[in-house]
Amino acid sequence: RAAELNDDTVKVLTACLVGLDRLGHAADATDPERISTAVGAARRTLAAATDRTRRLMFELRPTSLQDEGLAGALADLAGQLAEEAGVVTSVAVAPDRYPYVVEELAYRTVREATVNVRKHARATAVGIEIEARDGVLYGRVTDDGRGFDVDAAFERSRRQRRMGLDTMRERLHLAGGAVAVRSAPGSGTVIAFQLPIRLA
């Protein structure tokens, strides 16, 4: 799933390649001190890339999702968001279990929404809600952040071909679901999605 590799990981790996190029130049110059410095820098950069990749893999498919379902996985996600971004989080998710592919898709949708909160919203509070009605899973992620121009954000996501709102919408659409994003500069954001519990 190459598309899931985020920009941070790619940047760190690129920095590692630059470090290895410096190592090559130092070796050509037969300068032991420069070689040692370049090796140390390249190793630190590669270690950072490894840590970020491990974390991304965990976030995409956390063990708590398999063991505890959406309730446990989203509680963990909210706790991580609160710790890292310093926001107040609330989670309202019933402990019911659903087909794993549905739980994974709902989790990834909420995770993408919280990534956007952490990167852009400058929010102080985030709410996560999931409920099932009449064979459909309904989810909402709300924040009190600075908001944004929704149309411009979708267009930017399509143009840059990165993970984001457009990828979220396409992923849900392919599963027979939908997402609605309500926001405006200065007014916070609501991301509401729905997903059939029994996928075709």
Protein backbone atom coordinates (compact mmCIF):
# COMPACT_ATOMS: atom_id res chain seq x y z
CA ARG A 1 0.00 0.00 0.00
CA ALA A 2 2.48 2.59 -1.20
CA ALA A 3 -0.18 5.32 -1.16
CA GLU A 4 -0.35 5.04 2.62
CA LEU A 5 3.24 6.20 3.08
CA ASN A 6 2.92 9.74 4.34
CA ASP A 7 4.98 12.74 3.36
CA ASP A 8 7.04 12.69 6.56
CA THR A 9 8.35 9.19 5.90
CA VAL A 10 9.24 10.01 2.28
CA LYS A 11 11.07 13.16 3.40
CA VAL A 12 13.07 11.25 6.00
CA LEU A 13 14.03 8.55 3.50
CA THR A 14 15.08 11.25 1.02
CA ALA A 15 17.23 12.86 3.70
CA CYS A 16 18.85 9.47 4.31
CA LEU A 17 19.74 9.20 0.63
CA VAL A 18 21.34 12.65 0.77
CA GLY A 19 23.32 11.52 3.80
CA LEU A 20 24.57 8.46 1.95
CA ASP A 21 25.62 10.68 -0.97
CA ARG A 22 27.69 12.72 1.49
CA LEU A 23 29.21 9.51 2.77
CA GLY A 24 30.21 8.60 -0.76
CA HIS A 25 31.89 11.98 -1.27
CA ALA A 26 33.72 11.66 2.05
CA ALA A 27 34.94 8.18 1.10
CA ASP A 28 36.20 9.52 -2.21
CA ALA A 29 38.15 12.14 -0.29
CA THR A 30 39.51 9.48 2.11
CA ASP A 31 38.63 11.62 5.13
CA PRO A 32 37.93 9.32 8.15
CA GLU A 33 36.37 12.08 10.26
CA ARG A 34 33.96 13.10 7.52
CA ILE A 35 33.11 9.45 6.88
CA SER A 36 32.33 8.85 10.56
CA THR A 37 30.14 11.95 10.74
CA ALA A 38 28.25 11.02 7.55
CA VAL A 39 27.69 7.43 8.72
CA GLY A 40 26.31 8.62 12.06
CA ALA A 41 23.95 11.10 10.39
CA ALA A 42 22.72 8.52 7.85
CA ARG A 43 22.09 5.96 10.58
CA ARG A 44 20.09 8.42 12.71
CA THR A 45 18.00 9.42 9.71
CA LEU A 46 17.32 5.82 8.72
CA ALA A 47 16.37 4.94 12.32
CA ALA A 48 13.87 7.81 12.30
CA ALA A 49 12.40 6.57 9.01
CA THR A 50 12.07 3.06 10.43
CA ASP A 51 10.30 4.33 13.55
CA ARG A 52 7.88 6.43 11.51
CA THR A 53 7.12 3.56 9.15
CA ARG A 54 6.44 1.20 12.07
CA ARG A 55 4.13 3.76 13.58
CA LEU A 56 2.30 4.28 10.30
CA MET A 57 1.81 0.53 9.92
CA PHE A 58 0.39 0.35 13.44
CA GLU A 59 -1.94 3.28 12.82
CA LEU A 60 -3.26 1.73 9.61
CA ARG A 61 -4.02 -1.63 11.24
CA PRO A 62 -3.69 -1.40 15.04
CA THR A 63 -3.88 -4.61 17.03
CA SER A 64 -6.61 -3.08 19.20
CA LEU A 65 -8.88 -2.96 16.15
CA GLN A 66 -8.62 -6.72 15.77
CA ASP A 67 -8.91 -7.40 19.51
CA GLU A 68 -11.38 -4.75 20.70
CA GLY A 69 -13.11 -3.44 17.59
CA LEU A 70 -13.81 0.20 16.84
CA ALA A 71 -14.50 1.15 20.45
CA GLY A 72 -11.05 0.15 21.66
CA ALA A 73 -9.13 1.29 18.59
CA LEU A 74 -10.78 4.72 18.48
CA ALA A 75 -10.29 5.20 22.22
CA ASP A 76 -6.57 4.54 21.68
CA LEU A 77 -6.51 6.92 18.71
CA ALA A 78 -8.22 9.66 20.74
CA GLY A 79 -5.79 9.14 23.61
CA GLN A 80 -2.84 9.47 21.27
CA LEU A 81 -4.31 12.63 19.74
CA ALA A 82 -4.88 14.15 23.17
CA GLU A 83 -1.32 13.38 24.23
CA GLU A 84 0.40 14.58 21.07
CA ALA A 85 -1.76 17.58 20.13
CA GLY A 86 -2.87 18.66 23.62
CA VAL A 87 -6.58 18.62 22.73
CA VAL A 88 -9.54 17.47 24.78
CA THR A 89 -11.09 14.41 23.15
CA SER A 90 -14.43 12.67 23.59
CA VAL A 91 -15.36 9.28 22.15
CA ALA A 92 -18.85 7.84 21.86
CA VAL A 93 -18.62 4.41 20.25
CA ALA A 94 -20.70 1.36 21.18
CA PRO A 95 -18.69 -1.82 21.88
CA ASP A 96 -20.48 -3.69 19.08
CA ARG A 97 -18.44 -5.61 16.52
CA TYR A 98 -18.84 -5.40 12.75
CA PRO A 99 -17.23 -7.17 9.79
CA TYR A 100 -13.51 -6.48 9.99
CA VAL A 101 -13.35 -4.72 6.62
CA VAL A 102 -16.06 -2.31 7.82
CA GLU A 103 -14.26 -1.66 11.10
CA GLU A 104 -10.99 -1.06 9.28
CA LEU A 105 -12.54 1.36 6.79
CA ALA A 106 -14.32 3.30 9.54
CA TYR A 107 -11.12 3.42 11.58
CA ARG A 108 -9.03 4.65 8.65
CA THR A 109 -11.62 7.36 7.92
CA VAL A 110 -11.54 8.61 11.50
CA ARG A 111 -7.76 8.38 11.60
CA GLU A 112 -7.43 10.46 8.45
CA ALA A 113 -9.76 13.07 9.95
CA THR A 114 -7.69 13.24 13.15
CA VAL A 115 -4.45 13.50 11.16
CA ASN A 116 -5.92 16.59 9.49
CA VAL A 117 -6.88 17.99 12.89
CA ARG A 118 -3.36 17.48 14.20
CA LYS A 119 -1.70 19.02 11.14
CA HIS A 120 -3.99 21.91 10.33
CA ALA A 121 -6.89 22.65 12.68
CA ARG A 122 -5.26 24.17 15.78
CA ALA A 123 -8.22 22.74 17.67
CA THR A 124 -8.69 22.52 21.43
CA ALA A 125 -11.41 19.84 21.36
CA VAL A 126 -12.19 16.85 19.12
CA GLY A 127 -15.20 14.55 19.25
CA ILE A 128 -15.51 11.08 17.70
CA GLU A 129 -18.90 9.36 17.39
CA ILE A 130 -19.88 6.05 15.78
CA GLU A 131 -23.35 4.50 15.76
CA ALA A 132 -25.20 1.87 13.76
CA ARG A 133 -28.77 2.29 12.51
CA ASP A 134 -30.73 0.19 10.02
CA GLY A 135 -27.71 -1.63 8.63
CA VAL A 136 -25.58 1.50 8.24
CA LEU A 137 -22.61 2.68 10.29
CA TYR A 138 -22.62 6.44 10.87
CA GLY A 139 -19.53 8.30 12.01
CA ARG A 140 -18.71 11.90 12.93
CA VAL A 141 -15.47 13.65 13.76
CA THR A 142 -15.87 17.22 14.98
CA ASP A 143 -13.34 19.82 16.01
CA ASP A 144 -13.41 23.43 17.17
CA GLY A 145 -10.39 24.43 15.11
CA ARG A 146 -9.84 27.16 12.60
CA GLY A 147 -11.79 25.51 9.77
CA PHE A 148 -11.05 25.70 6.05
CA ASP A 149 -12.49 26.14 2.58
CA VAL A 150 -13.87 22.66 1.79
CA ASP A 151 -13.99 22.96 -2.02
CA ALA A 152 -10.42 24.27 -2.18
CA ALA A 153 -9.20 21.47 0.12
CA PHE A 154 -10.77 18.74 -2.05
CA GLU A 155 -9.29 20.29 -5.17
CA ARG A 156 -5.83 20.51 -3.58
CA SER A 157 -6.07 16.86 -2.48
CA ARG A 158 -6.96 15.76 -6.02
CA ARG A 159 -4.27 17.88 -7.63
CA GLN A 160 -1.48 16.70 -5.33
CA ARG A 161 -2.59 13.05 -5.37
CA ARG A 162 -1.89 12.64 -1.68
CA MET A 163 -3.77 11.01 1.13
CA GLY A 164 -6.45 13.36 2.34
CA LEU A 165 -10.07 14.29 1.92
CA ASP A 166 -10.35 13.16 -1.68
CA THR A 167 -8.83 9.75 -0.89
CA MET A 168 -11.18 9.42 2.08
CA ARG A 169 -14.19 10.18 -0.11
CA GLU A 170 -13.09 7.79 -2.87
CA ARG A 171 -12.41 4.96 -0.41
CA LEU A 172 -15.86 5.28 1.15
CA HIS A 173 -17.57 5.63 -2.22
CA LEU A 174 -16.01 2.39 -3.47
CA ALA A 175 -17.46 0.62 -0.41
CA GLY A 176 -20.95 2.03 -1.03
CA GLY A 177 -20.59 4.76 1.58
CA ALA A 178 -20.29 8.53 1.54
CA VAL A 179 -18.73 11.42 3.42
CA ALA A 180 -19.83 15.00 3.97
CA VAL A 181 -17.44 17.70 5.14
CA ARG A 182 -18.79 20.88 6.69
CA SER A 183 -16.37 23.66 7.50
CA ALA A 184 -15.51 27.28 6.86
CA PRO A 185 -12.59 29.44 7.94
CA GLY A 186 -12.96 30.20 11.64
CA SER A 187 -15.85 27.81 12.29
CA GLY A 188 -14.40 24.37 13.06
CA THR A 189 -15.05 21.22 11.06
CA VAL A 190 -17.50 18.32 10.96
CA ILE A 191 -16.66 15.21 8.95
CA ALA A 192 -19.67 12.90 8.77
CA PHE A 193 -19.58 9.57 6.98
CA GLN A 194 -21.77 6.55 6.46
CA LEU A 195 -20.92 3.01 5.49
CA PRO A 196 -23.10 -0.05 4.89
CA ILE A 197 -22.39 -2.67 7.54
CA ARG A 198 -22.67 -5.48 5.01
CA LEU A 199 -20.48 -4.55 2.07
CA ALA A 200 -21.38 -5.89 -1.36
